[in-house]
Structures are given as structure tokens and as C-alpha cells.
Amino acid sequence: MKKRHAHPGSRVKSSPTVTSDGKARFGDNKPTLTQQGIDVDAFIYKNHALIERLRKGTR
């Protein structure tokens, strides 16, 4: 019987690419919320109901 174990390095790691202007961008090339000057904690607090509704839609 085969033993099942973790394969190190097999996980895909998403790391932002840092452009020459010093802004880190992910694969879709859009600036992050913080870079747009949006307070992430306040954004989540204000839009909590919307976020939960969107998350439930994917399940």
C-alpha cells in the first residue's frame, strides 16, 4: 500500500511582481487596495454583508 505524504514545493505560490516603479502587482496587473489608498479594514467593515453574500454564492 502506498504511503500518502506531502510533496514539498508542489503548492503554487502567488507572489506579486514588483515593477520598476516599486508597485507590487499580482497577475491581473491591478494595483492592490492599499496602493489605491483604501483602508482595507474599513473597507471590509463597511462591505461585510456584501462580502459574505458573495462568498456564500460560490459554495
PDB file of N, CA and C in Angstrom:
ATOM      1  N   MET A   1       0.838  -1.187   0.000  1.00  0.00           N
ATOM      2  CA  MET A   1       0.000   0.000   0.000  1.00  0.00           C
ATOM      3  C   MET A   1       0.883   1.250   0.000  1.00  0.00           C
ATOM      4  N   LYS A   2       0.546   2.202  -0.862  1.00  0.00           N
ATOM      5  CA  LYS A   2       1.360   3.406  -0.971  1.00  0.00           C
ATOM      6  C   LYS A   2       1.116   4.339   0.203  1.00  0.00           C
ATOM      7  N   LYS A   3       2.184   4.970   0.654  1.00  0.00           N
ATOM      8  CA  LYS A   3       2.041   5.993   1.687  1.00  0.00           C
ATOM      9  C   LYS A   3       1.766   7.329   1.011  1.00  0.00           C
ATOM     10  N   ARG A   4       0.801   8.017   1.543  1.00  0.00           N
ATOM     11  CA  ARG A   4       0.500   9.342   1.003  1.00  0.00           C
ATOM     12  C   ARG A   4       1.142  10.387   1.905  1.00  0.00           C
ATOM     13  N   HIS A   5       1.933  11.238   1.314  1.00  0.00           N
ATOM     14  CA  HIS A   5       2.569  12.291   2.092  1.00  0.00           C
ATOM     15  C   HIS A   5       2.677  13.559   1.255  1.00  0.00           C
ATOM     16  N   ALA A   6       2.969  14.639   1.937  1.00  0.00           N
ATOM     17  CA  ALA A   6       3.041  15.944   1.275  1.00  0.00           C
ATOM     18  C   ALA A   6       4.237  15.998   0.326  1.00  0.00           C
ATOM     19  N   HIS A   7       4.056  16.696  -0.762  1.00  0.00           N
ATOM     20  CA  HIS A   7       5.140  16.911  -1.711  1.00  0.00           C
ATOM     21  C   HIS A   7       5.629  18.346  -1.552  1.00  0.00           C
ATOM     22  N   PRO A   8       6.797  18.545  -0.978  1.00  0.00           N
ATOM     23  CA  PRO A   8       7.276  19.910  -0.783  1.00  0.00           C
ATOM     24  C   PRO A   8       7.485  20.626  -2.119  1.00  0.00           C
ATOM     25  N   GLY A   9       7.051  21.869  -2.154  1.00  0.00           N
ATOM     26  CA  GLY A   9       7.223  22.650  -3.373  1.00  0.00           C
ATOM     27  C   GLY A   9       6.157  22.429  -4.416  1.00  0.00           C
ATOM     28  N   SER A  10       5.155  21.599  -4.124  1.00  0.00           N
ATOM     29  CA  SER A  10       4.135  21.322  -5.129  1.00  0.00           C
ATOM     30  C   SER A  10       3.016  22.360  -5.122  1.00  0.00           C
ATOM     31  N   ARG A  11       2.946  23.146  -4.050  1.00  0.00           N
ATOM     32  CA  ARG A  11       1.911  24.179  -3.991  1.00  0.00           C
ATOM     33  C   ARG A  11       2.274  25.350  -4.892  1.00  0.00           C
ATOM     34  N   VAL A  12       1.282  25.893  -5.554  1.00  0.00           N
ATOM     35  CA  VAL A  12       1.521  27.058  -6.397  1.00  0.00           C
ATOM     36  C   VAL A  12       1.532  28.279  -5.499  1.00  0.00           C
ATOM     37  N   LYS A  13       2.605  29.033  -5.573  1.00  0.00           N
ATOM     38  CA  LYS A  13       2.722  30.217  -4.727  1.00  0.00           C
ATOM     39  C   LYS A  13       2.452  31.451  -5.571  1.00  0.00           C
ATOM     40  N   SER A  14       1.549  32.299  -5.106  1.00  0.00           N
ATOM     41  CA  SER A  14       1.237  33.530  -5.805  1.00  0.00           C
ATOM     42  C   SER A  14       2.059  34.642  -5.180  1.00  0.00           C
ATOM     43  N   SER A  15       3.036  35.103  -5.904  1.00  0.00           N
ATOM     44  CA  SER A  15       3.842  36.199  -5.378  1.00  0.00           C
ATOM     45  C   SER A  15       3.684  37.401  -6.295  1.00  0.00           C
ATOM     46  N   PRO A  16       3.563  38.582  -5.716  1.00  0.00           N
ATOM     47  CA  PRO A  16       3.378  39.771  -6.550  1.00  0.00           C
ATOM     48  C   PRO A  16       4.646  40.088  -7.335  1.00  0.00           C
ATOM     49  N   THR A  17       4.460  40.602  -8.530  1.00  0.00           N
ATOM     50  CA  THR A  17       5.613  41.045  -9.299  1.00  0.00           C
ATOM     51  C   THR A  17       5.831  42.517  -9.002  1.00  0.00           C
ATOM     52  N   VAL A  18       7.034  42.864  -8.637  1.00  0.00           N
ATOM     53  CA  VAL A  18       7.337  44.255  -8.304  1.00  0.00           C
ATOM     54  C   VAL A  18       7.846  44.926  -9.567  1.00  0.00           C
ATOM     55  N   THR A  19       7.117  45.957 -10.016  1.00  0.00           N
ATOM     56  CA  THR A  19       7.501  46.649 -11.243  1.00  0.00           C
ATOM     57  C   THR A  19       8.574  47.684 -10.940  1.00  0.00           C
ATOM     58  N   SER A  20       9.095  48.282 -11.985  1.00  0.00           N
ATOM     59  CA  SER A  20      10.206  49.222 -11.829  1.00  0.00           C
ATOM     60  C   SER A  20       9.810  50.459 -11.012  1.00  0.00           C
ATOM     61  N   ASP A  21       8.516  50.790 -10.979  1.00  0.00           N
ATOM     62  CA  ASP A  21       8.091  51.950 -10.190  1.00  0.00           C
ATOM     63  C   ASP A  21       7.867  51.592  -8.722  1.00  0.00           C
ATOM     64  N   GLY A  22       8.214  50.362  -8.333  1.00  0.00           N
ATOM     65  CA  GLY A  22       8.145  49.974  -6.925  1.00  0.00           C
ATOM     66  C   GLY A  22       6.776  49.503  -6.474  1.00  0.00           C
ATOM     67  N   LYS A  23       5.839  49.382  -7.396  1.00  0.00           N
ATOM     68  CA  LYS A  23       4.493  48.936  -7.020  1.00  0.00           C
ATOM     69  C   LYS A  23       4.367  47.442  -7.270  1.00  0.00           C
ATOM     70  N   ALA A  24       3.934  46.724  -6.240  1.00  0.00           N
ATOM     71  CA  ALA A  24       3.753  45.279  -6.384  1.00  0.00           C
ATOM     72  C   ALA A  24       2.381  45.016  -6.985  1.00  0.00           C
ATOM     73  N   ARG A  25       2.349  44.205  -8.023  1.00  0.00           N
ATOM     74  CA  ARG A  25       1.083  43.872  -8.665  1.00  0.00           C
ATOM     75  C   ARG A  25       0.982  42.362  -8.799  1.00  0.00           C
ATOM     76  N   PHE A  26      -0.235  41.842  -8.693  1.00  0.00           N
ATOM     77  CA  PHE A  26      -0.442  40.418  -8.885  1.00  0.00           C
ATOM     78  C   PHE A  26      -0.690  40.159 -10.369  1.00  0.00           C
ATOM     79  N   GLY A  27      -1.002  38.945 -10.705  1.00  0.00           N
ATOM     80  CA  GLY A  27      -1.114  38.533 -12.097  1.00  0.00           C
ATOM     81  C   GLY A  27      -2.058  39.351 -12.956  1.00  0.00           C
ATOM     82  N   ASP A  28      -3.113  39.916 -12.367  1.00  0.00           N
ATOM     83  CA  ASP A  28      -4.078  40.667 -13.177  1.00  0.00           C
ATOM     84  C   ASP A  28      -3.629  42.105 -13.424  1.00  0.00           C
ATOM     85  N   ASN A  29      -2.455  42.479 -12.904  1.00  0.00           N
ATOM     86  CA  ASN A  29      -1.837  43.778 -13.153  1.00  0.00           C
ATOM     87  C   ASN A  29      -2.626  44.961 -12.604  1.00  0.00           C
ATOM     88  N   LYS A  30      -3.499  44.721 -11.619  1.00  0.00           N
ATOM     89  CA  LYS A  30      -4.228  45.818 -10.984  1.00  0.00           C
ATOM     90  C   LYS A  30      -3.548  46.160  -9.664  1.00  0.00           C
ATOM     91  N   PRO A  31      -3.473  47.446  -9.305  1.00  0.00           N
ATOM     92  CA  PRO A  31      -2.867  47.791  -8.015  1.00  0.00           C
ATOM     93  C   PRO A  31      -3.718  47.276  -6.857  1.00  0.00           C
ATOM     94  N   THR A  32      -3.077  46.970  -5.740  1.00  0.00           N
ATOM     95  CA  THR A  32      -3.805  46.459  -4.580  1.00  0.00           C
ATOM     96  C   THR A  32      -4.641  47.569  -3.954  1.00  0.00           C
ATOM     97  N   LEU A  33      -5.561  47.194  -3.059  1.00  0.00           N
ATOM     98  CA  LEU A  33      -6.406  48.191  -2.398  1.00  0.00           C
ATOM     99  C   LEU A  33      -5.567  49.202  -1.627  1.00  0.00           C
ATOM    100  N   THR A  34      -4.534  48.715  -0.950  1.00  0.00           N
ATOM    101  CA  THR A  34      -3.678  49.610  -0.176  1.00  0.00           C
ATOM    102  C   THR A  34      -2.996  50.617  -1.090  1.00  0.00           C
ATOM    103  N   GLN A  35      -2.556  50.169  -2.249  1.00  0.00           N
ATOM    104  CA  GLN A  35      -1.903  51.076  -3.195  1.00  0.00           C
ATOM    105  C   GLN A  35      -2.880  52.104  -3.753  1.00  0.00           C
ATOM    106  N   GLN A  36      -4.162  51.764  -3.779  1.00  0.00           N
ATOM    107  CA  GLN A  36      -5.170  52.708  -4.250  1.00  0.00           C
ATOM    108  C   GLN A  36      -5.583  53.680  -3.153  1.00  0.00           C
ATOM    109  N   GLY A  37      -5.001  53.543  -1.969  1.00  0.00           N
ATOM    110  CA  GLY A  37      -5.306  54.448  -0.870  1.00  0.00           C
ATOM    111  C   GLY A  37      -6.549  54.047  -0.104  1.00  0.00           C
ATOM    112  N   ILE A  38      -6.941  52.782  -0.175  1.00  0.00           N
ATOM    113  CA  ILE A  38      -8.132  52.299   0.519  1.00  0.00           C
ATOM    114  C   ILE A  38      -7.707  51.586   1.793  1.00  0.00           C
ATOM    115  N   ASP A  39      -8.317  51.959   2.918  1.00  0.00           N
ATOM    116  CA  ASP A  39      -8.051  51.281   4.186  1.00  0.00           C
ATOM    117  C   ASP A  39      -8.786  49.942   4.153  1.00  0.00           C
ATOM    118  N   VAL A  40      -8.037  48.859   4.122  1.00  0.00           N
ATOM    119  CA  VAL A  40      -8.620  47.531   3.929  1.00  0.00           C
ATOM    120  C   VAL A  40      -9.569  47.160   5.069  1.00  0.00           C
ATOM    121  N   ASP A  41      -9.172  47.437   6.319  1.00  0.00           N
ATOM    122  CA  ASP A  41     -10.032  47.100   7.462  1.00  0.00           C
ATOM    123  C   ASP A  41     -11.359  47.842   7.397  1.00  0.00           C
ATOM    124  N   ALA A  42     -11.315  49.131   7.059  1.00  0.00           N
ATOM    125  CA  ALA A  42     -12.546  49.919   6.948  1.00  0.00           C
ATOM    126  C   ALA A  42     -13.396  49.418   5.783  1.00  0.00           C
ATOM    127  N   PHE A  43     -12.751  49.061   4.693  1.00  0.00           N
ATOM    128  CA  PHE A  43     -13.456  48.550   3.518  1.00  0.00           C
ATOM    129  C   PHE A  43     -14.214  47.272   3.854  1.00  0.00           C
ATOM    130  N   ILE A  44     -13.543  46.353   4.562  1.00  0.00           N
ATOM    131  CA  ILE A  44     -14.179  45.090   4.948  1.00  0.00           C
ATOM    132  C   ILE A  44     -15.320  45.353   5.928  1.00  0.00           C
ATOM    133  N   TYR A  45     -15.104  46.267   6.867  1.00  0.00           N
ATOM    134  CA  TYR A  45     -16.134  46.585   7.857  1.00  0.00           C
ATOM    135  C   TYR A  45     -17.384  47.135   7.173  1.00  0.00           C
ATOM    136  N   LYS A  46     -17.201  48.041   6.211  1.00  0.00           N
ATOM    137  CA  LYS A  46     -18.340  48.661   5.534  1.00  0.00           C
ATOM    138  C   LYS A  46     -19.062  47.689   4.608  1.00  0.00           C
ATOM    139  N   ASN A  47     -18.318  46.794   3.980  1.00  0.00           N
ATOM    140  CA  ASN A  47     -18.889  45.909   2.966  1.00  0.00           C
ATOM    141  C   ASN A  47     -19.018  44.468   3.435  1.00  0.00           C
ATOM    142  N   HIS A  48     -19.084  44.258   4.740  1.00  0.00           N
ATOM    143  CA  HIS A  48     -19.097  42.904   5.293  1.00  0.00           C
ATOM    144  C   HIS A  48     -20.274  42.081   4.770  1.00  0.00           C
ATOM    145  N   ALA A  49     -21.459  42.681   4.733  1.00  0.00           N
ATOM    146  CA  ALA A  49     -22.649  41.954   4.273  1.00  0.00           C
ATOM    147  C   ALA A  49     -22.495  41.541   2.810  1.00  0.00           C
ATOM    148  N   LEU A  50     -22.002  42.459   1.988  1.00  0.00           N
ATOM    149  CA  LEU A  50     -21.795  42.168   0.569  1.00  0.00           C
ATOM    150  C   LEU A  50     -20.760  41.062   0.387  1.00  0.00           C
ATOM    151  N   ILE A  51     -19.671  41.142   1.134  1.00  0.00           N
ATOM    152  CA  ILE A  51     -18.610  40.138   1.037  1.00  0.00           C
ATOM    153  C   ILE A  51     -19.145  38.759   1.422  1.00  0.00           C
ATOM    154  N   GLU A  52     -19.892  38.690   2.521  1.00  0.00           N
ATOM    155  CA  GLU A  52     -20.446  37.403   2.959  1.00  0.00           C
ATOM    156  C   GLU A  52     -21.412  36.840   1.919  1.00  0.00           C
ATOM    157  N   ARG A  53     -22.232  37.720   1.323  1.00  0.00           N
ATOM    158  CA  ARG A  53     -23.194  37.277   0.315  1.00  0.00           C
ATOM    159  C   ARG A  53     -22.463  36.725  -0.914  1.00  0.00           C
ATOM    160  N   LEU A  54     -21.414  37.407  -1.328  1.00  0.00           N
ATOM    161  CA  LEU A  54     -20.648  36.947  -2.485  1.00  0.00           C
ATOM    162  C   LEU A  54     -19.942  35.630  -2.190  1.00  0.00           C
ATOM    163  N   ARG A  55     -19.422  35.483  -0.969  1.00  0.00           N
ATOM    164  CA  ARG A  55     -18.729  34.249  -0.596  1.00  0.00           C
ATOM    165  C   ARG A  55     -19.697  33.066  -0.558  1.00  0.00           C
ATOM    166  N   LYS A  56     -20.920  33.292  -0.076  1.00  0.00           N
ATOM    167  CA  LYS A  56     -21.895  32.208   0.013  1.00  0.00           C
ATOM    168  C   LYS A  56     -22.344  31.762  -1.367  1.00  0.00           C
ATOM    169  N   GLY A  57     -22.295  32.660  -2.332  1.00  0.00           N
ATOM    170  CA  GLY A  57     -22.711  32.330  -3.689  1.00  0.00           C
ATOM    171  C   GLY A  57     -21.801  31.325  -4.363  1.00  0.00           C
ATOM    172  N   THR A  58     -20.549  31.221  -3.895  1.00  0.00           N
ATOM    173  CA  THR A  58     -19.602  30.315  -4.539  1.00  0.00           C
ATOM    174  C   THR A  58     -19.675  28.908  -3.968  1.00  0.00           C
ATOM    175  N   ARG A  59     -20.366  28.728  -2.848  1.00  0.00           N
ATOM    176  CA  ARG A  59     -20.413  27.405  -2.217  1.00  0.00           C
ATOM    177  C   ARG A  59     -21.501  26.547  -2.818  1.00  0.00           C
TER     178      ARG A  59
END
